[in-house]
Amino acid sequence: MTLKGGLGPALLPETLHDKPPDSLVATIYYGRPGTPMPPWKQFMSEAEASWIVQELMTGFPELRK
């Protein structure tokens, strides 16, 4: 998993740095209607979605090397 995009935009720290974290959390949690991004709220809490955003914005450990 390279996080460089495919059906959606790249999810790398340099492409997310200007995005509001709350907006990214909402995208994960509620999805984006009319796009391939599904809502994940049935599988995780908002706190877990927030953790994912934090990790994406700082770079997962394997990407920090």
PDB file of N, CA and C in Angstrom:
ATOM      1  N   MET A   1       0.841  -1.155   0.000  1.00  0.00           N
ATOM      2  CA  MET A   1       0.000   0.000   0.000  1.00  0.00           C
ATOM      3  C   MET A   1       0.902   1.239   0.000  1.00  0.00           C
ATOM      4  N   THR A   2       0.842   1.995  -1.077  1.00  0.00           N
ATOM      5  CA  THR A   2       1.734   3.144  -1.213  1.00  0.00           C
ATOM      6  C   THR A   2       1.079   4.473  -0.852  1.00  0.00           C
ATOM      7  N   LEU A   3      -0.246   4.496  -0.728  1.00  0.00           N
ATOM      8  CA  LEU A   3      -1.009   5.706  -0.392  1.00  0.00           C
ATOM      9  C   LEU A   3      -0.862   6.797  -1.447  1.00  0.00           C
ATOM     10  N   LYS A   4      -0.440   6.419  -2.668  1.00  0.00           N
ATOM     11  CA  LYS A   4      -0.222   7.391  -3.739  1.00  0.00           C
ATOM     12  C   LYS A   4      -1.461   7.642  -4.587  1.00  0.00           C
ATOM     13  N   GLY A   5      -2.585   7.097  -4.182  1.00  0.00           N
ATOM     14  CA  GLY A   5      -3.827   7.333  -4.923  1.00  0.00           C
ATOM     15  C   GLY A   5      -4.140   6.189  -5.870  1.00  0.00           C
ATOM     16  N   GLY A   6      -5.298   6.212  -6.379  1.00  0.00           N
ATOM     17  CA  GLY A   6      -5.799   5.195  -7.294  1.00  0.00           C
ATOM     18  C   GLY A   6      -7.145   5.701  -7.739  1.00  0.00           C
ATOM     19  N   LEU A   7      -8.179   5.286  -7.031  1.00  0.00           N
ATOM     20  CA  LEU A   7      -9.514   5.831  -7.283  1.00  0.00           C
ATOM     21  C   LEU A   7      -9.673   7.219  -6.673  1.00  0.00           C
ATOM     22  N   GLY A   8      -8.836   7.543  -5.718  1.00  0.00           N
ATOM     23  CA  GLY A   8      -8.910   8.836  -5.032  1.00  0.00           C
ATOM     24  C   GLY A   8      -7.554   9.507  -5.013  1.00  0.00           C
ATOM     25  N   PRO A   9      -7.444  10.622  -4.307  1.00  0.00           N
ATOM     26  CA  PRO A   9      -6.174  11.346  -4.234  1.00  0.00           C
ATOM     27  C   PRO A   9      -5.154  10.625  -3.361  1.00  0.00           C
ATOM     28  N   ALA A  10      -3.911  11.021  -3.505  1.00  0.00           N
ATOM     29  CA  ALA A  10      -2.839  10.481  -2.672  1.00  0.00           C
ATOM     30  C   ALA A  10      -3.099  10.838  -1.207  1.00  0.00           C
ATOM     31  N   LEU A  11      -2.713   9.944  -0.314  1.00  0.00           N
ATOM     32  CA  LEU A  11      -2.921  10.139   1.125  1.00  0.00           C
ATOM     33  C   LEU A  11      -1.581  10.278   1.844  1.00  0.00           C
ATOM     34  N   LEU A  12      -0.728  11.092   1.281  1.00  0.00           N
ATOM     35  CA  LEU A  12       0.599  11.315   1.842  1.00  0.00           C
ATOM     36  C   LEU A  12       0.619  12.624   2.638  1.00  0.00           C
ATOM     37  N   PRO A  13       1.504  12.738   3.638  1.00  0.00           N
ATOM     38  CA  PRO A  13       1.547  13.958   4.451  1.00  0.00           C
ATOM     39  C   PRO A  13       1.637  15.234   3.608  1.00  0.00           C
ATOM     40  N   GLU A  14       2.428  15.210   2.557  1.00  0.00           N
ATOM     41  CA  GLU A  14       2.598  16.425   1.753  1.00  0.00           C
ATOM     42  C   GLU A  14       1.347  16.797   0.950  1.00  0.00           C
ATOM     43  N   THR A  15       0.465  15.845   0.703  1.00  0.00           N
ATOM     44  CA  THR A  15      -0.772  16.164  -0.014  1.00  0.00           C
ATOM     45  C   THR A  15      -1.919  16.469   0.950  1.00  0.00           C
ATOM     46  N   LEU A  16      -1.751  16.133   2.216  1.00  0.00           N
ATOM     47  CA  LEU A  16      -2.802  16.365   3.211  1.00  0.00           C
ATOM     48  C   LEU A  16      -2.538  17.559   4.113  1.00  0.00           C
ATOM     49  N   HIS A  17      -1.341  18.114   4.071  1.00  0.00           N
ATOM     50  CA  HIS A  17      -0.946  19.139   5.050  1.00  0.00           C
ATOM     51  C   HIS A  17      -1.863  20.357   5.087  1.00  0.00           C
ATOM     52  N   ASP A  18      -2.501  20.698   3.975  1.00  0.00           N
ATOM     53  CA  ASP A  18      -3.365  21.887   3.956  1.00  0.00           C
ATOM     54  C   ASP A  18      -4.849  21.551   4.126  1.00  0.00           C
ATOM     55  N   LYS A  19      -5.156  20.294   4.403  1.00  0.00           N
ATOM     56  CA  LYS A  19      -6.542  19.857   4.586  1.00  0.00           C
ATOM     57  C   LYS A  19      -6.914  19.922   6.067  1.00  0.00           C
ATOM     58  N   PRO A  20      -8.108  20.417   6.393  1.00  0.00           N
ATOM     59  CA  PRO A  20      -8.531  20.428   7.803  1.00  0.00           C
ATOM     60  C   PRO A  20      -8.729  18.996   8.316  1.00  0.00           C
ATOM     61  N   PRO A  21      -8.087  18.637   9.418  1.00  0.00           N
ATOM     62  CA  PRO A  21      -8.229  17.276   9.951  1.00  0.00           C
ATOM     63  C   PRO A  21      -9.683  16.870  10.187  1.00  0.00           C
ATOM     64  N   ASP A  22     -10.520  17.784  10.670  1.00  0.00           N
ATOM     65  CA  ASP A  22     -11.926  17.438  10.917  1.00  0.00           C
ATOM     66  C   ASP A  22     -12.638  17.031   9.628  1.00  0.00           C
ATOM     67  N   SER A  23     -12.282  17.674   8.536  1.00  0.00           N
ATOM     68  CA  SER A  23     -12.875  17.341   7.240  1.00  0.00           C
ATOM     69  C   SER A  23     -12.442  15.947   6.789  1.00  0.00           C
ATOM     70  N   LEU A  24     -11.179  15.614   7.021  1.00  0.00           N
ATOM     71  CA  LEU A  24     -10.682  14.289   6.660  1.00  0.00           C
ATOM     72  C   LEU A  24     -11.343  13.202   7.506  1.00  0.00           C
ATOM     73  N   VAL A  25     -11.523  13.481   8.792  1.00  0.00           N
ATOM     74  CA  VAL A  25     -12.210  12.532   9.680  1.00  0.00           C
ATOM     75  C   VAL A  25     -13.633  12.303   9.167  1.00  0.00           C
ATOM     76  N   ALA A  26     -14.316  13.378   8.807  1.00  0.00           N
ATOM     77  CA  ALA A  26     -15.689  13.256   8.299  1.00  0.00           C
ATOM     78  C   ALA A  26     -15.729  12.452   7.005  1.00  0.00           C
ATOM     79  N   THR A  27     -14.741  12.634   6.149  1.00  0.00           N
ATOM     80  CA  THR A  27     -14.694  11.873   4.904  1.00  0.00           C
ATOM     81  C   THR A  27     -14.562  10.382   5.183  1.00  0.00           C
ATOM     82  N   ILE A  28     -13.704  10.018   6.117  1.00  0.00           N
ATOM     83  CA  ILE A  28     -13.549   8.607   6.473  1.00  0.00           C
ATOM     84  C   ILE A  28     -14.831   8.084   7.108  1.00  0.00           C
ATOM     85  N   TYR A  29     -15.347   8.827   8.053  1.00  0.00           N
ATOM     86  CA  TYR A  29     -16.485   8.355   8.841  1.00  0.00           C
ATOM     87  C   TYR A  29     -17.783   8.296   8.037  1.00  0.00           C
ATOM     88  N   TYR A  30     -18.046   9.334   7.240  1.00  0.00           N
ATOM     89  CA  TYR A  30     -19.318   9.417   6.511  1.00  0.00           C
ATOM     90  C   TYR A  30     -19.206   9.085   5.020  1.00  0.00           C
ATOM     91  N   GLY A  31     -17.981   8.963   4.504  1.00  0.00           N
ATOM     92  CA  GLY A  31     -17.808   8.697   3.085  1.00  0.00           C
ATOM     93  C   GLY A  31     -18.059   9.939   2.248  1.00  0.00           C
ATOM     94  N   ARG A  32     -18.032   9.755   0.937  1.00  0.00           N
ATOM     95  CA  ARG A  32     -18.320  10.834  -0.006  1.00  0.00           C
ATOM     96  C   ARG A  32     -19.339  10.313  -1.003  1.00  0.00           C
ATOM     97  N   PRO A  33     -20.591  10.705  -0.842  1.00  0.00           N
ATOM     98  CA  PRO A  33     -21.631  10.251  -1.774  1.00  0.00           C
ATOM     99  C   PRO A  33     -21.265  10.587  -3.221  1.00  0.00           C
ATOM    100  N   GLY A  34     -21.556   9.653  -4.115  1.00  0.00           N
ATOM    101  CA  GLY A  34     -21.267   9.854  -5.530  1.00  0.00           C
ATOM    102  C   GLY A  34     -19.841   9.547  -5.923  1.00  0.00           C
ATOM    103  N   THR A  35     -19.048   9.053  -4.952  1.00  0.00           N
ATOM    104  CA  THR A  35     -17.657   8.672  -5.227  1.00  0.00           C
ATOM    105  C   THR A  35     -17.451   7.248  -4.718  1.00  0.00           C
ATOM    106  N   PRO A  36     -16.295   6.646  -5.038  1.00  0.00           N
ATOM    107  CA  PRO A  36     -16.019   5.303  -4.512  1.00  0.00           C
ATOM    108  C   PRO A  36     -15.730   5.254  -3.007  1.00  0.00           C
ATOM    109  N   MET A  37     -15.666   6.427  -2.331  1.00  0.00           N
ATOM    110  CA  MET A  37     -15.342   6.451  -0.895  1.00  0.00           C
ATOM    111  C   MET A  37     -16.576   6.115  -0.071  1.00  0.00           C
ATOM    112  N   PRO A  38     -16.597   4.914   0.539  1.00  0.00           N
ATOM    113  CA  PRO A  38     -17.758   4.521   1.353  1.00  0.00           C
ATOM    114  C   PRO A  38     -17.659   5.076   2.775  1.00  0.00           C
ATOM    115  N   PRO A  39     -18.772   5.119   3.479  1.00  0.00           N
ATOM    116  CA  PRO A  39     -18.701   5.483   4.899  1.00  0.00           C
ATOM    117  C   PRO A  39     -18.164   4.304   5.708  1.00  0.00           C
ATOM    118  N   TRP A  40     -17.351   4.607   6.698  1.00  0.00           N
ATOM    119  CA  TRP A  40     -16.765   3.569   7.551  1.00  0.00           C
ATOM    120  C   TRP A  40     -17.338   3.588   8.956  1.00  0.00           C
ATOM    121  N   LYS A  41     -18.387   4.401   9.196  1.00  0.00           N
ATOM    122  CA  LYS A  41     -18.900   4.567  10.556  1.00  0.00           C
ATOM    123  C   LYS A  41     -19.447   3.287  11.172  1.00  0.00           C
ATOM    124  N   GLN A  42     -19.836   2.326  10.369  1.00  0.00           N
ATOM    125  CA  GLN A  42     -20.327   1.074  10.943  1.00  0.00           C
ATOM    126  C   GLN A  42     -19.192   0.160  11.410  1.00  0.00           C
ATOM    127  N   PHE A  43     -17.968   0.522  11.048  1.00  0.00           N
ATOM    128  CA  PHE A  43     -16.820  -0.315  11.391  1.00  0.00           C
ATOM    129  C   PHE A  43     -15.877   0.306  12.409  1.00  0.00           C
ATOM    130  N   MET A  44     -16.008   1.622  12.658  1.00  0.00           N
ATOM    131  CA  MET A  44     -15.075   2.300  13.558  1.00  0.00           C
ATOM    132  C   MET A  44     -15.744   3.491  14.222  1.00  0.00           C
ATOM    133  N   SER A  45     -15.102   3.962  15.259  1.00  0.00           N
ATOM    134  CA  SER A  45     -15.578   5.163  15.950  1.00  0.00           C
ATOM    135  C   SER A  45     -14.960   6.401  15.296  1.00  0.00           C
ATOM    136  N   GLU A  46     -15.496   7.571  15.641  1.00  0.00           N
ATOM    137  CA  GLU A  46     -14.891   8.808  15.143  1.00  0.00           C
ATOM    138  C   GLU A  46     -13.475   8.965  15.693  1.00  0.00           C
ATOM    139  N   ALA A  47     -13.238   8.484  16.912  1.00  0.00           N
ATOM    140  CA  ALA A  47     -11.887   8.552  17.491  1.00  0.00           C
ATOM    141  C   ALA A  47     -10.910   7.722  16.660  1.00  0.00           C
ATOM    142  N   GLU A  48     -11.346   6.568  16.199  1.00  0.00           N
ATOM    143  CA  GLU A  48     -10.477   5.735  15.351  1.00  0.00           C
ATOM    144  C   GLU A  48     -10.227   6.400  14.001  1.00  0.00           C
ATOM    145  N   ALA A  49     -11.259   7.024  13.442  1.00  0.00           N
ATOM    146  CA  ALA A  49     -11.079   7.764  12.185  1.00  0.00           C
ATOM    147  C   ALA A  49     -10.107   8.915  12.398  1.00  0.00           C
ATOM    148  N   SER A  50     -10.189   9.570  13.544  1.00  0.00           N
ATOM    149  CA  SER A  50      -9.274  10.658  13.868  1.00  0.00           C
ATOM    150  C   SER A  50      -7.838  10.145  13.977  1.00  0.00           C
ATOM    151  N   TRP A  51      -7.655   8.981  14.569  1.00  0.00           N
ATOM    152  CA  TRP A  51      -6.313   8.384  14.666  1.00  0.00           C
ATOM    153  C   TRP A  51      -5.749   8.110  13.277  1.00  0.00           C
ATOM    154  N   ILE A  52      -6.584   7.594  12.384  1.00  0.00           N
ATOM    155  CA  ILE A  52      -6.137   7.322  11.010  1.00  0.00           C
ATOM    156  C   ILE A  52      -5.670   8.626  10.358  1.00  0.00           C
ATOM    157  N   VAL A  53      -6.449   9.688  10.506  1.00  0.00           N
ATOM    158  CA  VAL A  53      -6.076  10.982   9.920  1.00  0.00           C
ATOM    159  C   VAL A  53      -4.748  11.454  10.498  1.00  0.00           C
ATOM    160  N   GLN A  54      -4.587  11.349  11.804  1.00  0.00           N
ATOM    161  CA  GLN A  54      -3.329  11.762  12.440  1.00  0.00           C
ATOM    162  C   GLN A  54      -2.153  10.984  11.851  1.00  0.00           C
ATOM    163  N   GLU A  55      -2.309   9.693  11.705  1.00  0.00           N
ATOM    164  CA  GLU A  55      -1.232   8.871  11.148  1.00  0.00           C
ATOM    165  C   GLU A  55      -0.965   9.217   9.686  1.00  0.00           C
ATOM    166  N   LEU A  56      -2.018   9.452   8.909  1.00  0.00           N
ATOM    167  CA  LEU A  56      -1.827   9.814   7.505  1.00  0.00           C
ATOM    168  C   LEU A  56      -1.107  11.157   7.382  1.00  0.00           C
ATOM    169  N   MET A  57      -1.440  12.095   8.259  1.00  0.00           N
ATOM    170  CA  MET A  57      -0.841  13.424   8.170  1.00  0.00           C
ATOM    171  C   MET A  57       0.620  13.447   8.622  1.00  0.00           C
ATOM    172  N   THR A  58       1.013  12.500   9.445  1.00  0.00           N
ATOM    173  CA  THR A  58       2.408  12.449   9.897  1.00  0.00           C
ATOM    174  C   THR A  58       3.205  11.385   9.156  1.00  0.00           C
ATOM    175  N   GLY A  59       2.531  10.489   8.471  1.00  0.00           N
ATOM    176  CA  GLY A  59       3.198   9.412   7.752  1.00  0.00           C
ATOM    177  C   GLY A  59       3.270   8.173   8.613  1.00  0.00           C
ATOM    178  N   PHE A  60       2.636   7.099   8.168  1.00  0.00           N
ATOM    179  CA  PHE A  60       2.700   5.848   8.903  1.00  0.00           C
ATOM    180  C   PHE A  60       4.157   5.455   9.088  1.00  0.00           C
ATOM    181  N   PRO A  61       4.489   4.724  10.148  1.00  0.00           N
ATOM    182  CA  PRO A  61       5.895   4.404  10.432  1.00  0.00           C
ATOM    183  C   PRO A  61       6.669   3.870   9.236  1.00  0.00           C
ATOM    184  N   GLU A  62       6.076   2.995   8.444  1.00  0.00           N
ATOM    185  CA  GLU A  62       6.819   2.445   7.310  1.00  0.00           C
ATOM    186  C   GLU A  62       7.096   3.498   6.244  1.00  0.00           C
ATOM    187  N   LEU A  63       6.364   4.600   6.248  1.00  0.00           N
ATOM    188  CA  LEU A  63       6.610   5.679   5.299  1.00  0.00           C
ATOM    189  C   LEU A  63       7.596   6.711   5.851  1.00  0.00           C
ATOM    190  N   ARG A  64       7.864   6.647   7.148  1.00  0.00           N
ATOM    191  CA  ARG A  64       8.774   7.620   7.784  1.00  0.00           C
ATOM    192  C   ARG A  64      10.230   7.247   7.628  1.00  0.00           C
ATOM    193  N   LYS A  65      10.516   6.086   7.089  1.00  0.00           N
ATOM    194  CA  LYS A  65      11.897   5.604   6.951  1.00  0.00           C
ATOM    195  C   LYS A  65      12.686   6.460   6.004  1.00  0.00           C
TER     196      LYS A  65
END
